[in-house]
């Protein structure tokens, strides 16, 4: 039997979350975005806009794997773009995207940008 063509097409979705050191004081791990079931991260980065003090590294992941998108901890001590790693992991049900710091920061700001597609969702059809 031949493969049935999939006519569903979708557009990428993007989460943009700005944060500052004072928003990260309650806990070392913070929820930064809610990912829908079926989400597959295709790219992303953490942009340090003001270098952090206190906290020196960050991980981005979820409750099952806190470093899912950052196999190597991201450096927060210097400004600039810190790329995430797209793993191909598909979120099975709604779950939070987590940011985990190694210590409470006393200064700093950043922006997390995550692009994903939703497996099984169709925004329009083609063919």
PDB file of N, CA and C in Angstrom:
ATOM      1  N   UNK A   1       0.849  -1.167   0.000  1.00  0.00           N
ATOM      2  CA  UNK A   1       0.000   0.000   0.000  1.00  0.00           C
ATOM      3  C   UNK A   1       0.902   1.240   0.000  1.00  0.00           C
ATOM      4  N   UNK A   2       0.634   2.209  -0.874  1.00  0.00           N
ATOM      5  CA  UNK A   2       1.480   3.402  -0.952  1.00  0.00           C
ATOM      6  C   UNK A   2       1.250   4.337   0.239  1.00  0.00           C
ATOM      7  N   UNK A   3       2.232   5.161   0.475  1.00  0.00           N
ATOM      8  CA  UNK A   3       2.151   6.174   1.519  1.00  0.00           C
ATOM      9  C   UNK A   3       1.080   7.191   1.152  1.00  0.00           C
ATOM     10  N   UNK A   4       0.214   7.509   2.078  1.00  0.00           N
ATOM     11  CA  UNK A   4      -0.837   8.511   1.829  1.00  0.00           C
ATOM     12  C   UNK A   4      -0.245   9.892   2.069  1.00  0.00           C
ATOM     13  N   UNK A   5      -0.397  10.778   1.096  1.00  0.00           N
ATOM     14  CA  UNK A   5       0.142  12.123   1.222  1.00  0.00           C
ATOM     15  C   UNK A   5      -0.599  12.903   2.298  1.00  0.00           C
ATOM     16  N   UNK A   6       0.145  13.671   3.057  1.00  0.00           N
ATOM     17  CA  UNK A   6      -0.430  14.506   4.108  1.00  0.00           C
ATOM     18  C   UNK A   6      -0.664  15.898   3.530  1.00  0.00           C
ATOM     19  N   UNK A   7      -1.913  16.324   3.469  1.00  0.00           N
ATOM     20  CA  UNK A   7      -2.217  17.629   2.882  1.00  0.00           C
ATOM     21  C   UNK A   7      -2.231  18.754   3.920  1.00  0.00           C
ATOM     22  N   UNK A   8      -2.137  18.424   5.205  1.00  0.00           N
ATOM     23  CA  UNK A   8      -2.108  19.460   6.246  1.00  0.00           C
ATOM     24  C   UNK A   8      -0.815  20.255   6.168  1.00  0.00           C
ATOM     25  N   UNK A   9      -0.941  21.557   6.273  1.00  0.00           N
ATOM     26  CA  UNK A   9       0.225  22.438   6.338  1.00  0.00           C
ATOM     27  C   UNK A   9       0.060  23.334   7.546  1.00  0.00           C
ATOM     28  N   UNK A  10       1.174  23.784   8.072  1.00  0.00           N
ATOM     29  CA  UNK A  10       1.130  24.645   9.241  1.00  0.00           C
ATOM     30  C   UNK A  10       2.207  25.703   9.187  1.00  0.00           C
ATOM     31  N   UNK A  11       2.000  26.689   9.978  1.00  0.00           N
ATOM     32  CA  UNK A  11       2.987  27.745  10.117  1.00  0.00           C
ATOM     33  C   UNK A  11       3.707  27.547  11.448  1.00  0.00           C
ATOM     34  N   UNK A  12       4.966  27.943  11.524  1.00  0.00           N
ATOM     35  CA  UNK A  12       5.645  27.862  12.822  1.00  0.00           C
ATOM     36  C   UNK A  12       5.014  28.840  13.812  1.00  0.00           C
ATOM     37  N   UNK A  13       5.061  28.486  15.060  1.00  0.00           N
ATOM     38  CA  UNK A  13       4.645  29.374  16.149  1.00  0.00           C
ATOM     39  C   UNK A  13       5.910  29.784  16.895  1.00  0.00           C
ATOM     40  N   UNK A  14       5.884  30.965  17.468  1.00  0.00           N
ATOM     41  CA  UNK A  14       7.060  31.478  18.169  1.00  0.00           C
ATOM     42  C   UNK A  14       6.649  31.996  19.541  1.00  0.00           C
ATOM     43  N   UNK A  15       7.381  31.576  20.559  1.00  0.00           N
ATOM     44  CA  UNK A  15       7.231  32.099  21.916  1.00  0.00           C
ATOM     45  C   UNK A  15       8.362  33.092  22.131  1.00  0.00           C
ATOM     46  N   UNK A  16       8.026  34.308  22.564  1.00  0.00           N
ATOM     47  CA  UNK A  16       9.032  35.305  22.918  1.00  0.00           C
ATOM     48  C   UNK A  16       8.770  35.704  24.361  1.00  0.00           C
ATOM     49  N   UNK A  17       9.737  35.436  25.233  1.00  0.00           N
ATOM     50  CA  UNK A  17       9.568  35.735  26.655  1.00  0.00           C
ATOM     51  C   UNK A  17      10.743  36.565  27.154  1.00  0.00           C
ATOM     52  N   UNK A  18      10.469  37.821  27.483  1.00  0.00           N
ATOM     53  CA  UNK A  18      11.483  38.672  28.103  1.00  0.00           C
ATOM     54  C   UNK A  18      11.491  38.417  29.602  1.00  0.00           C
ATOM     55  N   UNK A  19      12.657  38.562  30.236  1.00  0.00           N
ATOM     56  CA  UNK A  19      12.745  38.391  31.689  1.00  0.00           C
ATOM     57  C   UNK A  19      13.908  39.206  32.240  1.00  0.00           C
ATOM     58  N   UNK A  20      13.783  39.553  33.506  1.00  0.00           N
ATOM     59  CA  UNK A  20      14.851  40.267  34.211  1.00  0.00           C
ATOM     60  C   UNK A  20      15.190  39.502  35.479  1.00  0.00           C
ATOM     61  N   UNK A  21      16.336  39.824  36.057  1.00  0.00           N
ATOM     62  CA  UNK A  21      16.810  39.108  37.242  1.00  0.00           C
ATOM     63  C   UNK A  21      15.794  39.131  38.378  1.00  0.00           C
ATOM     64  N   UNK A  22      15.081  40.244  38.569  1.00  0.00           N
ATOM     65  CA  UNK A  22      14.154  40.328  39.697  1.00  0.00           C
ATOM     66  C   UNK A  22      12.951  39.398  39.527  1.00  0.00           C
ATOM     67  N   UNK A  23      12.630  38.982  38.300  1.00  0.00           N
ATOM     68  CA  UNK A  23      11.536  38.030  38.077  1.00  0.00           C
ATOM     69  C   UNK A  23      11.974  36.594  38.362  1.00  0.00           C
ATOM     70  N   UNK A  24      13.262  36.380  38.570  1.00  0.00           N
ATOM     71  CA  UNK A  24      13.804  35.033  38.756  1.00  0.00           C
ATOM     72  C   UNK A  24      14.249  34.790  40.192  1.00  0.00           C
ATOM     73  N   UNK A  25      13.699  35.531  41.136  1.00  0.00           N
ATOM     74  CA  UNK A  25      14.131  35.432  42.529  1.00  0.00           C
ATOM     75  C   UNK A  25      13.426  34.349  43.332  1.00  0.00           C
ATOM     76  N   UNK A  26      12.231  33.934  42.931  1.00  0.00           N
ATOM     77  CA  UNK A  26      11.454  32.990  43.736  1.00  0.00           C
ATOM     78  C   UNK A  26      12.020  31.572  43.736  1.00  0.00           C
ATOM     79  N   UNK A  27      12.559  31.132  42.626  1.00  0.00           N
ATOM     80  CA  UNK A  27      13.078  29.770  42.521  1.00  0.00           C
ATOM     81  C   UNK A  27      14.116  29.709  41.410  1.00  0.00           C
ATOM     82  N   UNK A  28      15.037  28.738  41.492  1.00  0.00           N
ATOM     83  CA  UNK A  28      16.066  28.592  40.460  1.00  0.00           C
ATOM     84  C   UNK A  28      15.482  28.052  39.159  1.00  0.00           C
ATOM     85  N   UNK A  29      14.347  27.353  39.234  1.00  0.00           N
ATOM     86  CA  UNK A  29      13.665  26.863  38.032  1.00  0.00           C
ATOM     87  C   UNK A  29      12.339  27.588  37.901  1.00  0.00           C
ATOM     88  N   UNK A  30      12.130  28.192  36.722  1.00  0.00           N
ATOM     89  CA  UNK A  30      10.922  28.973  36.479  1.00  0.00           C
ATOM     90  C   UNK A  30      10.273  28.528  35.166  1.00  0.00           C
ATOM     91  N   UNK A  31       8.941  28.461  35.150  1.00  0.00           N
ATOM     92  CA  UNK A  31       8.207  28.229  33.908  1.00  0.00           C
ATOM     93  C   UNK A  31       8.239  29.522  33.100  1.00  0.00           C
ATOM     94  N   UNK A  32       8.625  29.428  31.823  1.00  0.00           N
ATOM     95  CA  UNK A  32       8.711  30.624  30.977  1.00  0.00           C
ATOM     96  C   UNK A  32       7.690  30.610  29.840  1.00  0.00           C
ATOM     97  N   UNK A  33       7.136  29.443  29.526  1.00  0.00           N
ATOM     98  CA  UNK A  33       6.133  29.359  28.460  1.00  0.00           C
ATOM     99  C   UNK A  33       5.424  28.016  28.564  1.00  0.00           C
ATOM    100  N   UNK A  34       4.199  27.977  28.077  1.00  0.00           N
ATOM    101  CA  UNK A  34       3.455  26.726  28.020  1.00  0.00           C
ATOM    102  C   UNK A  34       3.495  26.214  26.581  1.00  0.00           C
ATOM    103  N   UNK A  35       3.933  24.974  26.423  1.00  0.00           N
ATOM    104  CA  UNK A  35       4.016  24.358  25.105  1.00  0.00           C
ATOM    105  C   UNK A  35       2.809  23.446  24.902  1.00  0.00           C
ATOM    106  N   UNK A  36       2.150  23.522  23.741  1.00  0.00           N
ATOM    107  CA  UNK A  36       0.976  22.678  23.493  1.00  0.00           C
ATOM    108  C   UNK A  36       1.374  21.236  23.184  1.00  0.00           C
ATOM    109  N   UNK A  37       0.440  20.326  23.393  1.00  0.00           N
ATOM    110  CA  UNK A  37       0.672  18.949  22.988  1.00  0.00           C
ATOM    111  C   UNK A  37       0.951  18.892  21.495  1.00  0.00           C
ATOM    112  N   UNK A  38       1.923  18.090  21.093  1.00  0.00           N
ATOM    113  CA  UNK A  38       2.308  17.982  19.694  1.00  0.00           C
ATOM    114  C   UNK A  38       3.404  18.948  19.281  1.00  0.00           C
ATOM    115  N   UNK A  39       3.812  19.860  20.177  1.00  0.00           N
ATOM    116  CA  UNK A  39       4.844  20.836  19.833  1.00  0.00           C
ATOM    117  C   UNK A  39       6.197  20.159  19.627  1.00  0.00           C
ATOM    118  N   UNK A  40       6.877  20.558  18.562  1.00  0.00           N
ATOM    119  CA  UNK A  40       8.249  20.116  18.282  1.00  0.00           C
ATOM    120  C   UNK A  40       9.070  21.377  18.068  1.00  0.00           C
ATOM    121  N   UNK A  41      10.034  21.617  18.959  1.00  0.00           N
ATOM    122  CA  UNK A  41      10.886  22.808  18.846  1.00  0.00           C
ATOM    123  C   UNK A  41      11.776  22.656  17.625  1.00  0.00           C
ATOM    124  N   UNK A  42      11.778  23.669  16.758  1.00  0.00           N
ATOM    125  CA  UNK A  42      12.586  23.638  15.545  1.00  0.00           C
ATOM    126  C   UNK A  42      13.802  24.557  15.625  1.00  0.00           C
ATOM    127  N   UNK A  43      13.757  25.558  16.500  1.00  0.00           N
ATOM    128  CA  UNK A  43      14.914  26.434  16.713  1.00  0.00           C
ATOM    129  C   UNK A  43      14.624  27.345  17.892  1.00  0.00           C
ATOM    130  N   UNK A  44      15.646  28.070  18.293  1.00  0.00           N
ATOM    131  CA  UNK A  44      15.467  29.030  19.376  1.00  0.00           C
ATOM    132  C   UNK A  44      16.791  29.519  19.902  1.00  0.00           C
ATOM    133  N   UNK A  45      16.705  30.536  20.745  1.00  0.00           N
ATOM    134  CA  UNK A  45      17.894  31.062  21.400  1.00  0.00           C
ATOM    135  C   UNK A  45      17.522  31.857  22.636  1.00  0.00           C
ATOM    136  N   UNK A  46      18.483  32.010  23.496  1.00  0.00           N
ATOM    137  CA  UNK A  46      18.365  32.896  24.637  1.00  0.00           C
ATOM    138  C   UNK A  46      19.310  34.054  24.367  1.00  0.00           C
ATOM    139  N   UNK A  47      18.771  35.253  24.372  1.00  0.00           N
ATOM    140  CA  UNK A  47      19.572  36.452  24.134  1.00  0.00           C
ATOM    141  C   UNK A  47      19.787  37.136  25.474  1.00  0.00           C
ATOM    142  N   UNK A  48      21.039  37.212  25.918  1.00  0.00           N
ATOM    143  CA  UNK A  48      21.360  37.957  27.129  1.00  0.00           C
ATOM    144  C   UNK A  48      21.513  39.413  26.708  1.00  0.00           C
ATOM    145  N   UNK A  49      20.597  40.266  27.199  1.00  0.00           N
ATOM    146  CA  UNK A  49      20.622  41.684  26.834  1.00  0.00           C
ATOM    147  C   UNK A  49      21.379  42.514  27.869  1.00  0.00           C
ATOM    148  N   UNK A  50      21.398  42.054  29.108  1.00  0.00           N
ATOM    149  CA  UNK A  50      22.209  42.645  30.179  1.00  0.00           C
ATOM    150  C   UNK A  50      22.854  41.488  30.919  1.00  0.00           C
ATOM    151  N   UNK A  51      24.175  41.455  30.965  1.00  0.00           N
ATOM    152  CA  UNK A  51      24.890  40.339  31.580  1.00  0.00           C
ATOM    153  C   UNK A  51      24.405  40.098  33.011  1.00  0.00           C
ATOM    154  N   UNK A  52      24.293  38.833  33.373  1.00  0.00           N
ATOM    155  CA  UNK A  52      23.835  38.448  34.704  1.00  0.00           C
ATOM    156  C   UNK A  52      24.997  38.406  35.684  1.00  0.00           C
ATOM    157  N   UNK A  53      24.698  38.743  36.919  1.00  0.00           N
ATOM    158  CA  UNK A  53      25.630  38.521  38.024  1.00  0.00           C
ATOM    159  C   UNK A  53      24.912  37.638  39.029  1.00  0.00           C
ATOM    160  N   UNK A  54      25.657  36.878  39.769  1.00  0.00           N
ATOM    161  CA  UNK A  54      25.060  35.877  40.649  1.00  0.00           C
ATOM    162  C   UNK A  54      24.889  34.593  39.854  1.00  0.00           C
ATOM    163  N   UNK A  55      23.842  34.520  39.068  1.00  0.00           N
ATOM    164  CA  UNK A  55      23.645  33.365  38.185  1.00  0.00           C
ATOM    165  C   UNK A  55      24.634  33.465  37.025  1.00  0.00           C
ATOM    166  N   UNK A  56      25.278  32.361  36.693  1.00  0.00           N
ATOM    167  CA  UNK A  56      26.259  32.394  35.603  1.00  0.00           C
ATOM    168  C   UNK A  56      25.881  31.502  34.428  1.00  0.00           C
ATOM    169  N   UNK A  57      24.988  30.520  34.658  1.00  0.00           N
ATOM    170  CA  UNK A  57      24.569  29.641  33.559  1.00  0.00           C
ATOM    171  C   UNK A  57      23.074  29.353  33.648  1.00  0.00           C
ATOM    172  N   UNK A  58      22.514  28.922  32.521  1.00  0.00           N
ATOM    173  CA  UNK A  58      21.092  28.570  32.454  1.00  0.00           C
ATOM    174  C   UNK A  58      20.906  27.328  31.594  1.00  0.00           C
ATOM    175  N   UNK A  59      19.852  26.589  31.900  1.00  0.00           N
ATOM    176  CA  UNK A  59      19.404  25.454  31.102  1.00  0.00           C
ATOM    177  C   UNK A  59      17.978  25.743  30.653  1.00  0.00           C
ATOM    178  N   UNK A  60      17.591  25.219  29.487  1.00  0.00           N
ATOM    179  CA  UNK A  60      16.217  25.330  28.998  1.00  0.00           C
ATOM    180  C   UNK A  60      15.738  23.915  28.696  1.00  0.00           C
ATOM    181  N   UNK A  61      14.597  23.571  29.267  1.00  0.00           N
ATOM    182  CA  UNK A  61      14.057  22.235  29.072  1.00  0.00           C
ATOM    183  C   UNK A  61      12.658  22.123  29.630  1.00  0.00           C
ATOM    184  N   UNK A  62      12.373  20.964  30.231  1.00  0.00           N
ATOM    185  CA  UNK A  62      11.058  20.716  30.825  1.00  0.00           C
ATOM    186  C   UNK A  62      11.254  19.911  32.095  1.00  0.00           C
ATOM    187  N   UNK A  63      10.151  19.547  32.750  1.00  0.00           N
ATOM    188  CA  UNK A  63      10.267  18.849  34.037  1.00  0.00           C
ATOM    189  C   UNK A  63      10.915  17.471  33.897  1.00  0.00           C
ATOM    190  N   UNK A  64      10.737  16.808  32.773  1.00  0.00           N
ATOM    191  CA  UNK A  64      11.342  15.490  32.568  1.00  0.00           C
ATOM    192  C   UNK A  64      12.833  15.578  32.267  1.00  0.00           C
ATOM    193  N   UNK A  65      13.251  16.640  31.575  1.00  0.00           N
ATOM    194  CA  UNK A  65      14.651  16.808  31.181  1.00  0.00           C
ATOM    195  C   UNK A  65      14.985  18.307  31.186  1.00  0.00           C
ATOM    196  N   UNK A  66      15.490  18.823  32.305  1.00  0.00           N
ATOM    197  CA  UNK A  66      15.719  20.260  32.443  1.00  0.00           C
ATOM    198  C   UNK A  66      16.681  20.863  31.412  1.00  0.00           C
ATOM    199  N   UNK A  67      17.508  20.040  30.785  1.00  0.00           N
ATOM    200  CA  UNK A  67      18.446  20.556  29.770  1.00  0.00           C
ATOM    201  C   UNK A  67      18.107  20.042  28.366  1.00  0.00           C
ATOM    202  N   UNK A  68      16.847  19.756  28.109  1.00  0.00           N
ATOM    203  CA  UNK A  68      16.437  19.170  26.823  1.00  0.00           C
ATOM    204  C   UNK A  68      16.935  19.995  25.628  1.00  0.00           C
ATOM    205  N   UNK A  69      16.890  21.319  25.723  1.00  0.00           N
ATOM    206  CA  UNK A  69      17.269  22.177  24.592  1.00  0.00           C
ATOM    207  C   UNK A  69      18.626  22.855  24.795  1.00  0.00           C
ATOM    208  N   UNK A  70      19.311  22.497  25.865  1.00  0.00           N
ATOM    209  CA  UNK A  70      20.631  23.066  26.162  1.00  0.00           C
ATOM    210  C   UNK A  70      21.535  21.975  26.728  1.00  0.00           C
ATOM    211  N   UNK A  71      22.047  21.080  25.886  1.00  0.00           N
ATOM    212  CA  UNK A  71      22.925  20.023  26.387  1.00  0.00           C
ATOM    213  C   UNK A  71      24.144  20.582  27.129  1.00  0.00           C
ATOM    214  N   UNK A  72      24.566  21.772  26.728  1.00  0.00           N
ATOM    215  CA  UNK A  72      25.632  22.496  27.425  1.00  0.00           C
ATOM    216  C   UNK A  72      24.996  23.753  28.012  1.00  0.00           C
ATOM    217  N   UNK A  73      25.248  24.017  29.281  1.00  0.00           N
ATOM    218  CA  UNK A  73      24.654  25.184  29.952  1.00  0.00           C
ATOM    219  C   UNK A  73      25.013  26.466  29.200  1.00  0.00           C
ATOM    220  N   UNK A  74      24.057  27.394  29.145  1.00  0.00           N
ATOM    221  CA  UNK A  74      24.252  28.671  28.459  1.00  0.00           C
ATOM    222  C   UNK A  74      24.925  29.673  29.393  1.00  0.00           C
ATOM    223  N   UNK A  75      25.898  30.398  28.880  1.00  0.00           N
ATOM    224  CA  UNK A  75      26.635  31.398  29.642  1.00  0.00           C
ATOM    225  C   UNK A  75      25.810  32.673  29.775  1.00  0.00           C
ATOM    226  N   UNK A  76      25.519  33.069  31.006  1.00  0.00           N
ATOM    227  CA  UNK A  76      24.745  34.279  31.256  1.00  0.00           C
ATOM    228  C   UNK A  76      25.619  35.479  31.612  1.00  0.00           C
ATOM    229  N   UNK A  77      26.919  35.272  31.719  1.00  0.00           N
ATOM    230  CA  UNK A  77      27.833  36.336  32.147  1.00  0.00           C
ATOM    231  C   UNK A  77      28.167  37.320  31.033  1.00  0.00           C
ATOM    232  N   UNK A  78      27.860  36.953  29.794  1.00  0.00           N
ATOM    233  CA  UNK A  78      28.177  37.835  28.669  1.00  0.00           C
ATOM    234  C   UNK A  78      26.939  38.071  27.818  1.00  0.00           C
ATOM    235  N   UNK A  79      26.819  39.277  27.300  1.00  0.00           N
ATOM    236  CA  UNK A  79      25.710  39.603  26.407  1.00  0.00           C
ATOM    237  C   UNK A  79      25.842  38.809  25.116  1.00  0.00           C
ATOM    238  N   UNK A  80      24.728  38.586  24.463  1.00  0.00           N
ATOM    239  CA  UNK A  80      24.749  37.949  23.159  1.00  0.00           C
ATOM    240  C   UNK A  80      23.774  36.811  23.023  1.00  0.00           C
ATOM    241  N   UNK A  81      23.774  36.242  21.836  1.00  0.00           N
ATOM    242  CA  UNK A  81      22.876  35.179  21.436  1.00  0.00           C
ATOM    243  C   UNK A  81      23.433  33.825  21.857  1.00  0.00           C
ATOM    244  N   UNK A  82      22.627  33.041  22.564  1.00  0.00           N
ATOM    245  CA  UNK A  82      23.011  31.703  23.023  1.00  0.00           C
ATOM    246  C   UNK A  82      22.030  30.713  22.391  1.00  0.00           C
ATOM    247  N   UNK A  83      22.460  29.954  21.369  1.00  0.00           N
ATOM    248  CA  UNK A  83      21.514  29.089  20.644  1.00  0.00           C
ATOM    249  C   UNK A  83      21.029  27.894  21.462  1.00  0.00           C
ATOM    250  N   UNK A  84      19.763  27.536  21.238  1.00  0.00           N
ATOM    251  CA  UNK A  84      19.201  26.309  21.789  1.00  0.00           C
ATOM    252  C   UNK A  84      19.453  25.183  20.792  1.00  0.00           C
ATOM    253  N   UNK A  85      19.292  23.958  21.235  1.00  0.00           N
ATOM    254  CA  UNK A  85      19.452  22.794  20.378  1.00  0.00           C
ATOM    255  C   UNK A  85      18.081  22.173  20.119  1.00  0.00           C
ATOM    256  N   UNK A  86      17.667  22.130  18.864  1.00  0.00           N
ATOM    257  CA  UNK A  86      16.416  21.457  18.490  1.00  0.00           C
ATOM    258  C   UNK A  86      16.668  19.961  18.544  1.00  0.00           C
ATOM    259  N   UNK A  87      15.881  19.224  19.333  1.00  0.00           N
ATOM    260  CA  UNK A  87      16.134  17.800  19.559  1.00  0.00           C
ATOM    261  C   UNK A  87      15.202  16.872  18.793  1.00  0.00           C
ATOM    262  N   UNK A  88      14.113  17.403  18.236  1.00  0.00           N
ATOM    263  CA  UNK A  88      13.120  16.560  17.588  1.00  0.00           C
ATOM    264  C   UNK A  88      12.102  16.007  18.555  1.00  0.00           C
ATOM    265  N   UNK A  89      12.249  16.321  19.836  1.00  0.00           N
ATOM    266  CA  UNK A  89      11.316  15.843  20.864  1.00  0.00           C
ATOM    267  C   UNK A  89       9.922  16.411  20.622  1.00  0.00           C
ATOM    268  N   UNK A  90       8.906  15.547  20.710  1.00  0.00           N
ATOM    269  CA  UNK A  90       7.510  15.980  20.554  1.00  0.00           C
ATOM    270  C   UNK A  90       6.837  15.973  21.917  1.00  0.00           C
ATOM    271  N   UNK A  91       6.322  17.121  22.308  1.00  0.00           N
ATOM    272  CA  UNK A  91       5.578  17.249  23.559  1.00  0.00           C
ATOM    273  C   UNK A  91       4.284  16.442  23.421  1.00  0.00           C
ATOM    274  N   UNK A  92       4.027  15.530  24.344  1.00  0.00           N
ATOM    275  CA  UNK A  92       2.839  14.677  24.249  1.00  0.00           C
ATOM    276  C   UNK A  92       1.583  15.369  24.756  1.00  0.00           C
ATOM    277  N   UNK A  93       1.710  16.149  25.805  1.00  0.00           N
ATOM    278  CA  UNK A  93       0.580  16.908  26.344  1.00  0.00           C
ATOM    279  C   UNK A  93       1.104  18.256  26.812  1.00  0.00           C
ATOM    280  N   UNK A  94       0.219  19.192  27.067  1.00  0.00           N
ATOM    281  CA  UNK A  94       0.648  20.532  27.463  1.00  0.00           C
ATOM    282  C   UNK A  94       1.671  20.431  28.590  1.00  0.00           C
ATOM    283  N   UNK A  95       2.791  21.123  28.420  1.00  0.00           N
ATOM    284  CA  UNK A  95       3.797  21.166  29.485  1.00  0.00           C
ATOM    285  C   UNK A  95       4.530  22.491  29.432  1.00  0.00           C
ATOM    286  N   UNK A  96       5.099  22.855  30.560  1.00  0.00           N
ATOM    287  CA  UNK A  96       5.823  24.115  30.653  1.00  0.00           C
ATOM    288  C   UNK A  96       7.245  23.984  30.142  1.00  0.00           C
ATOM    289  N   UNK A  97       7.688  25.014  29.456  1.00  0.00           N
ATOM    290  CA  UNK A  97       9.084  25.177  29.089  1.00  0.00           C
ATOM    291  C   UNK A  97       9.740  25.832  30.294  1.00  0.00           C
ATOM    292  N   UNK A  98      10.839  25.260  30.776  1.00  0.00           N
ATOM    293  CA  UNK A  98      11.466  25.722  32.008  1.00  0.00           C
ATOM    294  C   UNK A  98      12.833  26.345  31.766  1.00  0.00           C
ATOM    295  N   UNK A  99      13.127  27.374  32.536  1.00  0.00           N
ATOM    296  CA  UNK A  99      14.442  28.006  32.579  1.00  0.00           C
ATOM    297  C   UNK A  99      15.013  27.712  33.957  1.00  0.00           C
ATOM    298  N   UNK A 100      16.199  27.084  34.001  1.00  0.00           N
ATOM    299  CA  UNK A 100      16.841  26.737  35.265  1.00  0.00           C
ATOM    300  C   UNK A 100      18.177  27.453  35.363  1.00  0.00           C
ATOM    301  N   UNK A 101      18.365  28.205  36.453  1.00  0.00           N
ATOM    302  CA  UNK A 101      19.609  28.932  36.696  1.00  0.00           C
ATOM    303  C   UNK A 101      20.437  28.195  37.735  1.00  0.00           C
ATOM    304  N   UNK A 102      21.747  28.440  37.737  1.00  0.00           N
ATOM    305  CA  UNK A 102      22.617  27.792  38.715  1.00  0.00           C
ATOM    306  C   UNK A 102      22.643  28.524  40.058  1.00  0.00           C
ATOM    307  N   UNK A 103      22.190  29.781  40.092  1.00  0.00           N
ATOM    308  CA  UNK A 103      22.134  30.565  41.330  1.00  0.00           C
ATOM    309  C   UNK A 103      21.170  31.728  41.114  1.00  0.00           C
ATOM    310  N   UNK A 104      20.736  32.351  42.204  1.00  0.00           N
ATOM    311  CA  UNK A 104      19.849  33.512  42.071  1.00  0.00           C
ATOM    312  C   UNK A 104      20.649  34.702  41.561  1.00  0.00           C
ATOM    313  N   UNK A 105      20.166  35.348  40.516  1.00  0.00           N
ATOM    314  CA  UNK A 105      20.885  36.483  39.955  1.00  0.00           C
ATOM    315  C   UNK A 105      20.670  37.760  40.776  1.00  0.00           C
ATOM    316  N   UNK A 106      21.653  38.652  40.701  1.00  0.00           N
ATOM    317  CA  UNK A 106      21.534  39.954  41.359  1.00  0.00           C
ATOM    318  C   UNK A 106      21.442  41.074  40.331  1.00  0.00           C
ATOM    319  N   UNK A 107      21.626  40.754  39.069  1.00  0.00           N
ATOM    320  CA  UNK A 107      21.453  41.689  37.955  1.00  0.00           C
ATOM    321  C   UNK A 107      21.335  40.862  36.687  1.00  0.00           C
ATOM    322  N   UNK A 108      20.780  41.472  35.639  1.00  0.00           N
ATOM    323  CA  UNK A 108      20.719  40.803  34.344  1.00  0.00           C
ATOM    324  C   UNK A 108      19.330  40.814  33.727  1.00  0.00           C
ATOM    325  N   UNK A 109      19.316  40.640  32.402  1.00  0.00           N
ATOM    326  CA  UNK A 109      18.064  40.573  31.648  1.00  0.00           C
ATOM    327  C   UNK A 109      18.291  39.758  30.387  1.00  0.00           C
ATOM    328  N   UNK A 110      17.215  39.171  29.895  1.00  0.00           N
ATOM    329  CA  UNK A 110      17.340  38.373  28.684  1.00  0.00           C
ATOM    330  C   UNK A 110      16.008  38.202  27.984  1.00  0.00           C
ATOM    331  N   UNK A 111      16.084  37.515  26.862  1.00  0.00           N
ATOM    332  CA  UNK A 111      14.906  37.225  26.039  1.00  0.00           C
ATOM    333  C   UNK A 111      15.059  35.802  25.512  1.00  0.00           C
ATOM    334  N   UNK A 112      14.051  34.979  25.757  1.00  0.00           N
ATOM    335  CA  UNK A 112      14.035  33.624  25.238  1.00  0.00           C
ATOM    336  C   UNK A 112      13.092  33.583  24.045  1.00  0.00           C
ATOM    337  N   UNK A 113      13.583  33.075  22.912  1.00  0.00           N
ATOM    338  CA  UNK A 113      12.770  32.939  21.708  1.00  0.00           C
ATOM    339  C   UNK A 113      12.821  31.471  21.283  1.00  0.00           C
ATOM    340  N   UNK A 114      11.636  30.857  21.182  1.00  0.00           N
ATOM    341  CA  UNK A 114      11.540  29.444  20.819  1.00  0.00           C
ATOM    342  C   UNK A 114      10.534  29.298  19.685  1.00  0.00           C
ATOM    343  N   UNK A 115      10.969  28.702  18.582  1.00  0.00           N
ATOM    344  CA  UNK A 115      10.091  28.433  17.446  1.00  0.00           C
ATOM    345  C   UNK A 115       9.737  26.948  17.452  1.00  0.00           C
ATOM    346  N   UNK A 116       8.452  26.658  17.188  1.00  0.00           N
ATOM    347  CA  UNK A 116       8.012  25.267  17.167  1.00  0.00           C
ATOM    348  C   UNK A 116       6.879  25.079  16.162  1.00  0.00           C
ATOM    349  N   UNK A 117       6.643  23.837  15.798  1.00  0.00           N
ATOM    350  CA  UNK A 117       5.491  23.443  14.996  1.00  0.00           C
ATOM    351  C   UNK A 117       4.655  22.491  15.841  1.00  0.00           C
ATOM    352  N   UNK A 118       3.383  22.358  15.499  1.00  0.00           N
ATOM    353  CA  UNK A 118       2.490  21.451  16.221  1.00  0.00           C
ATOM    354  C   UNK A 118       2.181  20.244  15.345  1.00  0.00           C
ATOM    355  N   UNK A 119       2.759  19.111  15.683  1.00  0.00           N
ATOM    356  CA  UNK A 119       2.514  17.872  14.949  1.00  0.00           C
ATOM    357  C   UNK A 119       1.036  17.522  15.018  1.00  0.00           C
ATOM    358  N   UNK A 120       0.426  17.252  13.874  1.00  0.00           N
ATOM    359  CA  UNK A 120      -0.976  16.876  13.818  1.00  0.00           C
ATOM    360  C   UNK A 120      -1.923  18.044  13.616  1.00  0.00           C
ATOM    361  N   UNK A 121      -1.429  19.265  13.761  1.00  0.00           N
ATOM    362  CA  UNK A 121      -2.292  20.438  13.549  1.00  0.00           C
ATOM    363  C   UNK A 121      -2.246  20.813  12.076  1.00  0.00           C
ATOM    364  N   UNK A 122      -3.336  21.295  11.555  1.00  0.00           N
ATOM    365  CA  UNK A 122      -3.386  21.760  10.185  1.00  0.00           C
ATOM    366  C   UNK A 122      -3.933  23.170  10.147  1.00  0.00           C
ATOM    367  N   UNK A 123      -3.155  24.094   9.629  1.00  0.00           N
ATOM    368  CA  UNK A 123      -3.612  25.472   9.522  1.00  0.00           C
ATOM    369  C   UNK A 123      -4.216  25.750   8.147  1.00  0.00           C
ATOM    370  N   UNK A 124      -3.790  24.991   7.155  1.00  0.00           N
ATOM    371  CA  UNK A 124      -4.382  25.050   5.824  1.00  0.00           C
ATOM    372  C   UNK A 124      -4.018  23.763   5.104  1.00  0.00           C
ATOM    373  N   UNK A 125      -4.605  23.539   3.930  1.00  0.00           N
ATOM    374  CA  UNK A 125      -4.308  22.313   3.189  1.00  0.00           C
ATOM    375  C   UNK A 125      -3.646  22.651   1.856  1.00  0.00           C
ATOM    376  N   UNK A 126      -2.853  21.709   1.407  1.00  0.00           N
ATOM    377  CA  UNK A 126      -2.132  21.851   0.143  1.00  0.00           C
ATOM    378  C   UNK A 126      -2.240  20.529  -0.603  1.00  0.00           C
ATOM    379  N   UNK A 127      -2.798  20.548  -1.783  1.00  0.00           N
ATOM    380  CA  UNK A 127      -2.857  19.351  -2.609  1.00  0.00           C
ATOM    381  C   UNK A 127      -3.890  18.349  -2.213  1.00  0.00           C
TER     382      UNK A 127
END
